[in-house]
Each structure stands twice: as structure tokens, then as C-alpha cells.
Amino acid sequence: MLGVMTEVVFYARPGCPFCVMLRADLRRRKLPFREVNIWEDPEAAAAVRAVADGNETVPTVNVGERWMVNPSGKKVIAAVEEQAPELLPGN
């Protein structure tokens, strides 16, 4: 798929301690991501509910075809390696 680049989308909400931890981990790993506040974006909240058994569980991360609910930084990196290795630092 020439010219098509997958992005890491980080779904979060204000005050979420798990979001703070994962955000810091991904930044430490220098992984680029786009953060979306599910309290400000109804479509994003619906997407999270669709993959989190009807709950607005955050952090939820999407990489290509992979959706992860409350993942570790290691799990996000593994998904990026599989779905979008061009996003990894040094690639």
C-alpha cells in the first residue's frame, strides 16, 4: 500500500491515571501517536465502546487493524511492529 501510513491512535480521557502511565511510556519510547479525548469526541467514545464490551475503558489504542484495551507499552510496540513498523523510531 504505497503512500498509506497507519497511525497510532491513543484514546483517553482527562484524569485517567492509566492513560498518564501509558502516555509517558509511549513518549519515553519515542513512539508517535495521536491522542483523542473520548469526552470531547462522541465518535471516538463510540469506537472505544465497540471494542471494550460497551464500556468507555481507556486507554484504548488502535494501530491498523489492532485494537487494544488498557494495553502495556510493550503490547503497543508489538502491534506497531506488526501493523506499522515504519512508525518505530529509527525506521
Protein backbone atom coordinates (compact mmCIF):
# COMPACT_ATOMS: atom_id res chain seq x y z
CA MET A 1 0.00 0.00 0.00
CA LEU A 2 2.24 2.73 -1.25
CA GLY A 3 1.63 6.11 0.35
CA VAL A 4 -0.66 4.76 3.07
CA MET A 5 0.65 5.07 6.59
CA THR A 6 -1.07 3.71 9.65
CA GLU A 7 -1.05 5.84 12.77
CA VAL A 8 -1.21 5.01 16.44
CA VAL A 9 -4.41 6.43 17.92
CA PHE A 10 -4.47 6.73 21.71
CA TYR A 11 -8.00 7.11 23.14
CA ALA A 12 -8.00 8.72 26.57
CA ARG A 13 -9.95 10.95 28.93
CA PRO A 14 -8.84 13.59 31.44
CA GLY A 15 -7.90 12.33 34.89
CA CYS A 16 -7.24 8.74 33.85
CA PRO A 17 -4.14 7.53 35.72
CA PHE A 18 -3.70 4.55 33.38
CA CYS A 19 -3.66 6.97 30.43
CA VAL A 20 -0.99 9.06 32.15
CA MET A 21 1.19 5.97 32.65
CA LEU A 22 0.80 4.65 29.11
CA ARG A 23 1.25 8.12 27.56
CA ALA A 24 4.53 8.53 29.47
CA ASP A 25 5.70 5.06 28.43
CA LEU A 26 4.97 5.68 24.72
CA ARG A 27 6.68 9.07 24.84
CA ARG A 28 9.72 7.52 26.54
CA ARG A 29 9.81 5.00 23.68
CA LYS A 30 9.55 7.96 21.23
CA LEU A 31 6.53 6.41 19.52
CA PRO A 32 4.44 8.98 17.63
CA PHE A 33 0.71 8.84 18.37
CA ARG A 34 -2.42 10.92 18.02
CA GLU A 35 -4.37 11.33 21.24
CA VAL A 36 -8.15 11.61 21.20
CA ASN A 37 -10.20 12.67 24.24
CA ILE A 38 -13.29 10.45 24.24
CA TRP A 39 -15.19 13.02 26.34
CA GLU A 40 -14.82 15.56 23.52
CA ASP A 41 -15.34 13.22 20.56
CA PRO A 42 -18.58 11.18 20.53
CA GLU A 43 -17.41 9.09 17.56
CA ALA A 44 -14.21 8.19 19.41
CA ALA A 45 -16.23 7.23 22.51
CA ALA A 46 -18.44 5.00 20.33
CA ALA A 47 -15.37 3.35 18.79
CA VAL A 48 -13.99 2.59 22.25
CA ARG A 49 -17.34 1.17 23.42
CA ALA A 50 -17.42 -1.04 20.31
CA VAL A 51 -14.14 -2.74 21.26
CA ALA A 52 -14.46 -2.61 25.07
CA ASP A 53 -17.65 -4.59 25.67
CA GLY A 54 -19.79 -1.44 25.68
CA ASN A 55 -17.59 0.38 28.18
CA GLU A 56 -15.59 3.57 27.70
CA THR A 57 -12.43 1.93 29.00
CA VAL A 58 -9.29 3.96 28.47
CA PRO A 59 -6.59 3.89 27.49
CA THR A 60 -7.62 2.15 24.31
CA VAL A 61 -5.15 2.14 21.44
CA ASN A 62 -5.69 1.45 17.75
CA VAL A 63 -2.89 0.52 15.36
CA GLY A 64 -4.07 -0.51 11.92
CA GLU A 65 -6.41 -3.45 12.44
CA ARG A 66 -5.38 -3.96 16.08
CA TRP A 67 -7.44 -2.56 18.96
CA MET A 68 -6.07 -2.86 22.49
CA VAL A 69 -7.94 -2.02 25.69
CA ASN A 70 -5.69 -0.87 28.56
CA PRO A 71 -2.54 -2.22 26.90
CA SER A 72 1.01 -2.08 28.16
CA GLY A 73 3.58 -0.05 26.25
CA LYS A 74 5.21 -3.35 25.26
CA LYS A 75 1.94 -4.58 23.72
CA VAL A 76 1.52 -1.32 21.77
CA ILE A 77 5.07 -1.58 20.42
CA ALA A 78 4.42 -5.21 19.36
CA ALA A 79 1.29 -4.08 17.47
CA VAL A 80 3.25 -1.30 15.77
CA GLU A 81 5.98 -3.77 14.78
CA GLU A 82 3.28 -5.91 13.16
CA GLN A 83 0.97 -3.24 11.69
CA ALA A 84 3.14 -0.17 11.05
CA PRO A 85 6.87 -0.75 11.58
CA GLU A 86 7.62 2.50 9.72
CA LEU A 87 6.41 4.36 12.82
CA LEU A 88 9.07 2.90 15.09
CA PRO A 89 11.95 5.22 15.98
CA GLY A 90 14.94 4.57 13.74
CA ASN A 91 12.86 3.17 10.85
